[in-house]
Structure formats: C-alpha cells, structure tokens
N, C-alpha and C. Protein backbone atom coordinates (compact mmCIF):
# COMPACT_ATOMS: atom_id res chain seq x y z
N MET A 1 -8.71 3.95 0.12
CA MET A 1 -7.20 2.85 0.18
C MET A 1 -7.38 2.39 1.61
N ASN A 2 -6.70 1.40 1.70
CA ASN A 2 -6.63 0.40 2.98
C ASN A 2 -5.22 0.62 3.42
N ARG A 3 -5.27 -0.18 4.51
CA ARG A 3 -4.08 -0.22 5.07
C ARG A 3 -2.61 -0.74 4.55
N SER A 4 -3.20 -1.96 3.76
CA SER A 4 -2.28 -2.75 3.45
C SER A 4 -1.91 -1.57 1.80
N ASP A 5 -2.80 -1.04 1.50
CA ASP A 5 -2.20 -0.06 0.11
C ASP A 5 -1.31 0.60 0.66
N PHE A 6 -1.49 1.25 1.77
CA PHE A 6 -0.53 2.24 1.88
C PHE A 6 0.66 2.04 2.58
N GLN A 7 1.21 0.04 2.87
CA GLN A 7 2.36 -0.27 3.57
C GLN A 7 2.95 -0.75 1.88
N ASN A 8 2.10 -1.03 0.98
CA ASN A 8 2.67 -1.14 -0.11
C ASN A 8 3.13 0.09 -1.35
N LEU A 9 2.47 0.75 -0.53
CA LEU A 9 3.18 2.12 -1.16
C LEU A 9 4.02 2.51 -0.66
N ALA A 10 3.95 2.69 0.48
CA ALA A 10 5.37 3.02 1.27
C ALA A 10 6.60 1.79 1.24
N GLU A 11 6.62 0.90 0.90
CA GLU A 11 7.74 -0.43 0.73
C GLU A 11 8.08 0.26 -1.26
N LEU A 12 7.37 0.44 -1.67
CA LEU A 12 7.45 0.79 -3.39
C LEU A 12 8.61 2.20 -3.64
N ARG A 13 7.55 2.98 -2.47
CA ARG A 13 8.59 4.18 -2.87
C ARG A 13 10.20 4.11 -2.10
N ILE A 14 10.30 3.16 -1.02
CA ILE A 14 11.25 3.36 -0.33
C ILE A 14 12.53 2.65 -1.20
N LYS A 15 11.83 1.48 -1.87
CA LYS A 15 12.80 1.33 -3.30
C LYS A 15 13.41 2.26 -4.33
N GLU A 16 12.01 2.63 -4.44
CA GLU A 16 12.48 4.11 -5.78
C GLU A 16 13.09 4.90 -4.68
N ALA A 17 13.48 5.32 -3.56
CA ALA A 17 14.26 6.37 -2.88
C ALA A 17 15.54 5.57 -2.78
N GLU A 18 15.72 4.33 -2.36
CA GLU A 18 16.99 3.65 -2.38
C GLU A 18 17.77 3.53 -4.25
N ALA A 19 17.12 3.47 -5.35
CA ALA A 19 17.16 3.62 -6.33
C ALA A 19 17.95 5.13 -6.34
N LEU A 20 17.24 6.48 -6.14
CA LEU A 20 17.87 7.67 -6.47
C LEU A 20 19.45 8.01 -5.74
N LEU A 21 18.94 7.16 -4.07
CA LEU A 21 20.00 7.57 -3.61
C LEU A 21 21.66 7.37 -4.17
N ASP A 22 21.52 5.83 -5.07
CA ASP A 22 22.25 5.19 -5.39
C ASP A 22 23.07 6.11 -6.72
N ARG A 23 22.35 7.02 -7.35
CA ARG A 23 22.28 7.88 -8.42
C ARG A 23 23.02 8.86 -7.80
N LYS A 24 22.64 9.56 -6.95
CA LYS A 24 22.99 10.06 -6.01
C LYS A 24 21.82 11.84 -6.12
N TYR A 25 20.99 11.30 -6.43
CA TYR A 25 19.52 12.15 -6.63
C TYR A 25 19.08 12.59 -5.18
N PHE A 26 19.89 13.39 -4.49
CA PHE A 26 19.57 13.03 -2.84
C PHE A 26 18.06 14.18 -2.91
N ASP A 27 18.10 14.96 -3.56
CA ASP A 27 16.97 15.51 -3.25
C ASP A 27 15.83 15.22 -3.66
N GLY A 28 15.26 14.12 -4.83
CA GLY A 28 13.91 13.10 -5.26
C GLY A 28 14.04 12.25 -4.00
N ALA A 29 15.29 11.44 -3.45
CA ALA A 29 15.15 10.62 -2.40
C ALA A 29 14.59 11.15 -1.62
N TYR A 30 14.77 12.42 -0.89
CA TYR A 30 14.77 13.03 0.65
C TYR A 30 13.11 13.35 0.21
N TYR A 31 13.01 13.83 -0.76
CA TYR A 31 11.51 13.88 -1.22
C TYR A 31 10.52 12.54 -1.03
N LEU A 32 10.54 11.18 -1.63
CA LEU A 32 9.94 10.35 -1.71
C LEU A 32 10.13 9.65 -0.47
N LEU A 33 11.24 9.72 0.45
CA LEU A 33 11.21 9.21 1.85
C LEU A 33 10.43 10.09 2.68
N GLY A 34 9.95 11.46 2.70
CA GLY A 34 8.81 11.86 3.19
C GLY A 34 7.47 11.24 3.23
N TYR A 35 7.16 10.62 1.87
CA TYR A 35 6.27 10.44 1.40
C TYR A 35 6.26 8.71 1.77
N VAL A 36 7.25 8.03 1.93
CA VAL A 36 6.84 7.47 2.84
C VAL A 36 6.00 7.00 4.01
N VAL A 37 7.03 8.25 4.88
CA VAL A 37 6.96 8.51 6.25
C VAL A 37 5.31 9.03 6.29
N GLU A 38 4.24 9.36 5.84
CA GLU A 38 2.92 9.64 5.39
C GLU A 38 2.21 8.49 5.51
N CYS A 39 2.79 7.79 4.68
CA CYS A 39 2.17 6.66 4.02
C CYS A 39 1.92 5.71 4.92
N ALA A 40 3.14 5.63 5.96
CA ALA A 40 3.60 4.98 7.80
C ALA A 40 2.64 4.96 7.85
N PHE A 41 2.23 6.71 8.34
CA PHE A 41 1.50 6.92 9.48
C PHE A 41 0.09 7.02 8.78
N LYS A 42 -0.56 7.09 7.77
CA LYS A 42 -1.74 6.83 7.37
C LYS A 42 -2.03 5.07 7.50
N ALA A 43 -1.03 4.30 7.28
CA ALA A 43 -1.71 2.81 7.47
C ALA A 43 -1.68 2.68 8.95
N CYS A 44 -0.88 4.07 9.89
CA CYS A 44 -1.30 3.28 11.10
C CYS A 44 -2.72 3.55 11.39
N ILE A 45 -3.32 5.21 11.16
CA ILE A 45 -4.42 5.50 11.10
C ILE A 45 -5.59 4.72 11.00
N ALA A 46 -5.32 4.02 9.45
CA ALA A 46 -6.16 3.00 8.87
C ALA A 46 -6.53 1.58 9.55
N LYS A 47 -5.10 1.36 10.38
CA LYS A 47 -5.46 0.26 11.55
C LYS A 47 -6.14 0.08 12.67
N LYS A 48 -6.18 1.88 12.60
CA LYS A 48 -7.69 1.88 13.86
C LYS A 48 -8.56 2.43 13.50
N THR A 49 -8.82 2.21 12.14
CA THR A 49 -10.28 2.28 12.14
C THR A 49 -11.25 1.38 11.00
N ARG A 50 -12.51 0.56 11.40
CA ARG A 50 -13.27 -0.21 11.30
C ARG A 50 -13.44 -0.19 9.58
N GLN A 51 -13.57 -1.46 9.03
CA GLN A 51 -14.13 -1.04 7.68
C GLN A 51 -15.33 -0.34 7.51
N TYR A 52 -16.34 -0.37 8.24
CA TYR A 52 -17.66 0.35 7.92
C TYR A 52 -17.98 1.37 8.92
N ASP A 53 -16.81 1.50 9.48
CA ASP A 53 -17.17 2.97 10.32
C ASP A 53 -17.27 4.27 9.67
N PHE A 54 -18.29 4.61 10.12
CA PHE A 54 -18.67 6.28 9.21
C PHE A 54 -17.19 7.31 9.78
N PRO A 55 -17.17 7.82 9.06
CA PRO A 55 -16.42 9.08 8.65
C PRO A 55 -16.58 9.67 10.25
N PRO A 56 -15.16 9.94 10.73
CA PRO A 56 -14.92 10.43 11.81
C PRO A 56 -15.57 11.94 12.00
N ASP A 57 -15.47 12.82 13.09
CA ASP A 57 -16.09 14.08 13.12
C ASP A 57 -15.38 14.66 12.14
N ARG A 58 -15.35 16.30 11.90
CA ARG A 58 -14.73 16.81 11.35
C ARG A 58 -13.20 17.33 11.45
N LYS A 59 -12.83 17.58 12.73
CA LYS A 59 -11.95 17.65 13.50
C LYS A 59 -10.81 16.05 12.44
N THR A 60 -11.24 15.15 13.09
CA THR A 60 -10.48 13.68 13.04
C THR A 60 -10.62 13.72 11.15
N ILE A 61 -10.88 14.47 10.45
CA ILE A 61 -11.13 14.16 9.20
C ILE A 61 -10.00 15.65 8.27
N GLU A 62 -10.30 16.32 9.10
CA GLU A 62 -9.20 17.56 8.81
C GLU A 62 -7.28 17.18 9.10
N ALA A 63 -7.50 16.10 10.21
CA ALA A 63 -6.28 16.25 10.77
C ALA A 63 -5.25 15.33 10.08
N ILE A 64 -6.65 14.06 9.49
CA ILE A 64 -5.82 12.65 8.63
C ILE A 64 -5.87 12.96 7.45
N TYR A 65 -6.69 14.22 6.52
CA TYR A 65 -6.75 14.04 5.10
C TYR A 65 -5.32 15.26 4.93
N GLN A 66 -4.56 14.77 5.06
CA GLN A 66 -3.14 16.06 4.94
C GLN A 66 -2.39 15.70 4.44
N HIS A 67 -0.68 16.64 4.55
CA HIS A 67 0.40 15.82 4.43
C HIS A 67 1.42 16.47 5.52
N ASP A 68 0.50 17.08 6.76
CA ASP A 68 1.81 17.55 7.68
C ASP A 68 2.15 16.08 8.77
N PRO A 69 3.09 15.77 8.85
CA PRO A 69 3.67 14.97 9.30
C PRO A 69 3.38 15.04 10.84
N ALA A 70 3.73 16.21 11.44
CA ALA A 70 3.34 16.48 12.98
C ALA A 70 1.84 16.25 12.96
N LYS A 71 0.90 16.49 12.53
CA LYS A 71 -0.26 16.27 12.34
C LYS A 71 -1.02 15.08 12.44
N LEU A 72 -0.06 14.11 11.34
CA LEU A 72 -0.37 12.88 11.09
C LEU A 72 0.34 11.92 12.28
N LEU A 73 1.32 12.41 12.73
CA LEU A 73 1.87 11.76 14.30
C LEU A 73 1.29 11.60 14.91
N LYS A 74 -0.04 12.49 15.34
CA LYS A 74 -0.57 12.70 16.64
C LYS A 74 -1.69 11.92 16.23
N ALA A 75 -2.18 11.95 15.30
CA ALA A 75 -3.62 11.21 14.42
C ALA A 75 -2.66 9.82 14.74
N SER A 76 -1.44 9.29 14.29
CA SER A 76 -1.56 8.06 14.16
C SER A 76 -1.56 7.17 15.59
N GLY A 77 -1.58 7.88 16.16
CA GLY A 77 -1.65 7.76 17.87
C GLY A 77 0.46 6.86 18.61
N LEU A 78 0.88 7.57 17.47
CA LEU A 78 2.21 7.06 17.74
C LEU A 78 3.32 8.57 18.54
N GLU A 79 2.52 9.09 18.69
CA GLU A 79 2.99 10.56 19.36
C GLU A 79 3.65 9.87 20.52
N PRO A 80 3.11 9.45 21.67
CA PRO A 80 3.75 9.09 22.87
C PRO A 80 5.13 8.15 22.94
N GLU A 81 5.26 7.78 21.87
CA GLU A 81 6.27 6.79 21.66
C GLU A 81 7.10 7.42 21.06
N HIS A 82 7.12 8.05 19.94
CA HIS A 82 7.95 9.59 19.16
C HIS A 82 8.74 10.62 20.59
N LEU A 83 7.54 11.19 21.19
CA LEU A 83 8.14 11.62 22.31
C LEU A 83 9.28 10.79 23.52
N GLN A 84 8.80 9.42 23.46
CA GLN A 84 9.90 8.91 24.71
C GLN A 84 10.96 8.84 24.32
N GLU A 85 11.38 8.38 22.40
CA GLU A 85 12.63 7.90 22.15
C GLU A 85 13.19 9.10 21.80
N MET A 86 12.09 10.13 21.66
CA MET A 86 13.50 11.46 21.74
C MET A 86 13.81 11.62 23.30
C-alpha cells in the first residue's frame, strides 16, 4: 500500500464510522476510528519513504508493521507535535 491508499482507506472508514454513530453503534464507530488513526499514521510514515528505498532496519520495520498507536505516532514523526499540543 502507498500513502494515497492509506489516505483513501482512512476517509472511507471515517464515513463508515459516521454511519455507525448515526445509528448509535458506538462500539463499532470507536473501533473504526482507531483504524482511521492507524491509517493516518501509516500515511505519514509512507510519505517519508521513497518509492524504491530498500526496507529499513529491523527495528524500524517492527515499529511500523503493527497496530500500537504510540509506536506508530513515534514512527510517523508526529510525536513532537503531539507532545506540544498536549
């Protein structure tokens, strides 16, 4: 998947989450919004990767091929902004 794929997937899942919220299916909406955040982080990570770059070192791969929001936040490069906003 590339950056555009992650962005499109995030936008689609937001629409689906809104539909669930409208019908008061809060648990499903909450779950999908977590997925949206993950896709957004992965889009930011993909933006930093050049098309034909060889996969990064193992530590970096382990940081991005997962679902932990805190680790994805750090790998996305957005952690300083997040800490400043908090």
